[in-house]
C-alpha atoms as a PDB file:
ATOM      1  CA  MET A   1     101.514  98.642  79.181  1.00  0.00           C
ATOM      2  CA  GLY A   2      99.469  99.509  82.273  1.00  0.00           C
ATOM      3  CA  ILE A   3      95.797 100.282  82.768  1.00  0.00           C
ATOM      4  CA  VAL A   4      96.095 103.486  80.714  1.00  0.00           C
ATOM      5  CA  GLN A   5      96.271 101.938  77.262  1.00  0.00           C
ATOM      6  CA  GLU A   6      96.451 105.074  75.208  1.00  0.00           C
ATOM      7  CA  VAL A   7      96.370 108.843  75.474  1.00  0.00           C
ATOM      8  CA  LYS A   8      95.188 110.635  72.370  1.00  0.00           C
ATOM      9  CA  THR A   9      93.887 114.058  71.511  1.00  0.00           C
ATOM     10  CA  SER A  10      90.891 115.450  69.679  1.00  0.00           C
ATOM     11  CA  GLY A  11      91.527 119.135  69.149  1.00  0.00           C
ATOM     12  CA  ASP A  12      92.320 120.535  72.582  1.00  0.00           C
ATOM     13  CA  ILE A  13      90.798 117.538  74.426  1.00  0.00           C
ATOM     14  CA  LYS A  14      93.004 114.806  75.889  1.00  0.00           C
ATOM     15  CA  ILE A  15      91.508 111.317  75.942  1.00  0.00           C
ATOM     16  CA  ALA A  16      92.919 108.679  78.274  1.00  0.00           C
ATOM     17  CA  VAL A  17      91.699 105.175  77.452  1.00  0.00           C
ATOM     18  CA  LEU A  18      91.726 102.792  80.431  1.00  0.00           C
ATOM     19  CA  GLN A  19      91.480  99.036  80.186  1.00  0.00           C
ATOM     20  CA  GLY A  20      91.291  96.429  82.928  1.00  0.00           C
ATOM     21  CA  ASP A  21      90.454  96.531  86.617  1.00  0.00           C
ATOM     22  CA  VAL A  22      91.311  99.624  88.637  1.00  0.00           C
ATOM     23  CA  ASP A  23      92.143  98.222  92.045  1.00  0.00           C
ATOM     24  CA  THR A  24      94.760  98.491  94.767  1.00  0.00           C
ATOM     25  CA  LYS A  25      97.453  97.169  92.463  1.00  0.00           C
ATOM     26  CA  SER A  26      96.763  99.502  89.541  1.00  0.00           C
ATOM     27  CA  ALA A  27      95.229 102.707  91.002  1.00  0.00           C
ATOM     28  CA  SER A  28      98.537 104.427  91.773  1.00  0.00           C
ATOM     29  CA  SER A  29      99.868 103.800  88.256  1.00  0.00           C
ATOM     30  CA  VAL A  30      96.658 105.226  86.763  1.00  0.00           C
ATOM     31  CA  THR A  31      97.078 108.290  88.972  1.00  0.00           C
ATOM     32  CA  ASP A  32     100.715 108.613  87.844  1.00  0.00           C
ATOM     33  CA  ASP A  33      99.624 108.434  84.181  1.00  0.00           C
ATOM     34  CA  ILE A  34      96.610 110.779  84.452  1.00  0.00           C
ATOM     35  CA  LEU A  35      97.834 113.623  86.713  1.00  0.00           C
ATOM     36  CA  PRO A  36     100.418 114.930  84.220  1.00  0.00           C
ATOM     37  CA  LEU A  37      97.578 115.421  81.715  1.00  0.00           C
ATOM     38  CA  ILE A  38      95.891 117.886  84.023  1.00  0.00           C
ATOM     39  CA  GLU A  39      97.098 121.357  83.201  1.00  0.00           C
ATOM     40  CA  GLU A  40      95.556 124.759  83.811  1.00  0.00           C
ATOM     41  CA  GLY A  41      92.266 124.892  81.859  1.00  0.00           C
ATOM     42  CA  SER A  42      92.753 121.528  80.167  1.00  0.00           C
ATOM     43  CA  LYS A  43      89.920 119.309  78.962  1.00  0.00           C
ATOM     44  CA  ILE A  44      90.216 115.608  79.696  1.00  0.00           C
ATOM     45  CA  ILE A  45      88.136 112.506  79.005  1.00  0.00           C
ATOM     46  CA  LEU A  46      88.725 109.332  80.967  1.00  0.00           C
ATOM     47  CA  ASP A  47      87.363 106.598  78.698  1.00  0.00           C
ATOM     48  CA  VAL A  48      86.499 103.727  81.036  1.00  0.00           C
ATOM     49  CA  ASN A  49      84.458 101.644  78.596  1.00  0.00           C
ATOM     50  CA  GLN A  50      86.915  98.772  79.075  1.00  0.00           C
ATOM     51  CA  VAL A  51      87.027  98.943  82.869  1.00  0.00           C
ATOM     52  CA  GLU A  52      84.872  96.222  84.382  1.00  0.00           C
ATOM     53  CA  TYR A  53      85.814  96.606  88.052  1.00  0.00           C
ATOM     54  CA  MET A  54      86.826  99.532  90.214  1.00  0.00           C
ATOM     55  CA  SER A  55      87.712  99.025  93.875  1.00  0.00           C
ATOM     56  CA  SER A  56      87.644 101.678  96.603  1.00  0.00           C
ATOM     57  CA  ALA A  57      91.258 102.432  95.611  1.00  0.00           C
ATOM     58  CA  GLY A  58      89.983 103.199  92.103  1.00  0.00           C
ATOM     59  CA  LEU A  59      87.320 105.505  93.511  1.00  0.00           C
ATOM     60  CA  ARG A  60      89.998 107.300  95.585  1.00  0.00           C
ATOM     61  CA  MET A  61      92.069 107.662  92.384  1.00  0.00           C
ATOM     62  CA  LEU A  62      89.075 109.265  90.621  1.00  0.00           C
ATOM     63  CA  LEU A  63      88.557 111.649  93.534  1.00  0.00           C
ATOM     64  CA  SER A  64      92.227 112.612  93.431  1.00  0.00           C
ATOM     65  CA  VAL A  65      92.020 113.276  89.698  1.00  0.00           C
ATOM     66  CA  PHE A  66      88.827 115.284  90.236  1.00  0.00           C
ATOM     67  CA  ARG A  67      90.458 117.417  92.941  1.00  0.00           C
ATOM     68  CA  GLN A  68      93.511 118.107  90.773  1.00  0.00           C
ATOM     69  CA  SER A  69      91.236 119.053  87.888  1.00  0.00           C
ATOM     70  CA  GLU A  70      89.288 121.457  90.101  1.00  0.00           C
ATOM     71  CA  ALA A  71      92.492 123.007  91.430  1.00  0.00           C
ATOM     72  CA  LYS A  72      93.692 123.704  87.896  1.00  0.00           C
ATOM     73  CA  ASN A  73      90.323 124.757  86.480  1.00  0.00           C
ATOM     74  CA  ALA A  74      90.415 121.751  84.158  1.00  0.00           C
ATOM     75  CA  LYS A  75      87.305 120.033  82.832  1.00  0.00           C
ATOM     76  CA  LEU A  76      86.950 116.286  83.256  1.00  0.00           C
ATOM     77  CA  VAL A  77      84.407 113.872  81.771  1.00  0.00           C
ATOM     78  CA  LEU A  78      84.076 110.146  82.503  1.00  0.00           C
ATOM     79  CA  VAL A  79      82.943 108.157  79.472  1.00  0.00           C
ATOM     80  CA  GLY A  80      81.474 104.683  79.406  1.00  0.00           C
ATOM     81  CA  LEU A  81      80.949 103.833  83.072  1.00  0.00           C
ATOM     82  CA  SER A  82      79.598 100.336  83.467  1.00  0.00           C
ATOM     83  CA  ASP A  83      76.288 100.041  85.270  1.00  0.00           C
ATOM     84  CA  ASP A  84      78.007  98.390  88.257  1.00  0.00           C
ATOM     85  CA  ILE A  85      80.646 101.119  88.595  1.00  0.00           C
ATOM     86  CA  ALA A  86      78.049 103.875  88.091  1.00  0.00           C
ATOM     87  CA  ASP A  87      75.849 102.277  90.791  1.00  0.00           C
ATOM     88  CA  THR A  88      78.735 102.128  93.242  1.00  0.00           C
ATOM     89  CA  MET A  89      79.704 105.719  92.508  1.00  0.00           C
ATOM     90  CA  SER A  90      76.096 106.796  92.952  1.00  0.00           C
ATOM     91  CA  ILE A  91      75.667 105.014  96.295  1.00  0.00           C
ATOM     92  CA  THR A  92      78.921 106.479  97.624  1.00  0.00           C
ATOM     93  CA  GLY A  93      78.143 109.975  96.350  1.00  0.00           C
ATOM     94  CA  PHE A  94      81.177 110.022  94.010  1.00  0.00           C
ATOM     95  CA  LEU A  95      78.974 110.287  90.908  1.00  0.00           C
ATOM     96  CA  ASP A  96      77.846 113.796  91.986  1.00  0.00           C
ATOM     97  CA  PHE A  97      81.379 115.111  91.426  1.00  0.00           C
ATOM     98  CA  PHE A  98      81.677 114.053  87.789  1.00  0.00           C
ATOM     99  CA  VAL A  99      80.268 114.881  84.408  1.00  0.00           C
ATOM    100  CA  THR A 100      79.574 111.561  82.697  1.00  0.00           C
ATOM    101  CA  ALA A 101      78.730 110.532  79.167  1.00  0.00           C
ATOM    102  CA  LYS A 102      77.703 107.208  77.678  1.00  0.00           C
ATOM    103  CA  THR A 103      79.806 107.502  74.520  1.00  0.00           C
ATOM    104  CA  LEU A 104      83.050 109.164  73.502  1.00  0.00           C
ATOM    105  CA  ASP A 105      81.171 111.345  71.002  1.00  0.00           C
ATOM    106  CA  GLU A 106      78.859 112.576  73.781  1.00  0.00           C
ATOM    107  CA  GLY A 107      81.844 113.308  76.030  1.00  0.00           C
ATOM    108  CA  LEU A 108      83.614 115.231  73.269  1.00  0.00           C
ATOM    109  CA  ALA A 109      80.442 117.234  72.592  1.00  0.00           C
ATOM    110  CA  ASP A 110      80.052 118.030  76.327  1.00  0.00           C
ATOM    111  CA  LEU A 111      83.644 119.331  76.534  1.00  0.00           C
ATOM    112  CA  ARG A 112      83.395 121.366  73.376  1.00  0.00           C
ATOM    113  CA  LEU A 113      80.444 123.245  74.907  1.00  0.00           C
ATOM    114  CA  ILE A 114      82.440 124.191  77.983  1.00  0.00           C
END
C-alpha cells in the first residue's frame, strides 16, 4: 500500500488517511490516489496526522489538489499538520490556501458547516 493508507467516508465527506513521507518518490502516487476523489461539490479531508515530512514535491501535490478542488467547487480540509509542515507551509504561503483543523472531529465539523 502507498502513502494513502485508507479512504473512508463519513456521510458525504471523503477522508483520505496519509501515512509516511510525502516526497519526490511518493507525491505523484498521492496525487493519483487523491484526484479521483475530487468531484463536483465534494467534501474531502486529507488526514496527514501520520505524515512527518513533506518535501517541495509534496507541497506541489497539495497545490495541485487544491486547484482541482477549486475547479470543481469541492471543499478540502487538511487535518493534523505537524508543526514543521505547518511552519513550512506558512513560510511559503501555501497555508493561506487551505482550511486546516487539528483533529479529524474538527475537520468533519468544519465541512458539515459548509
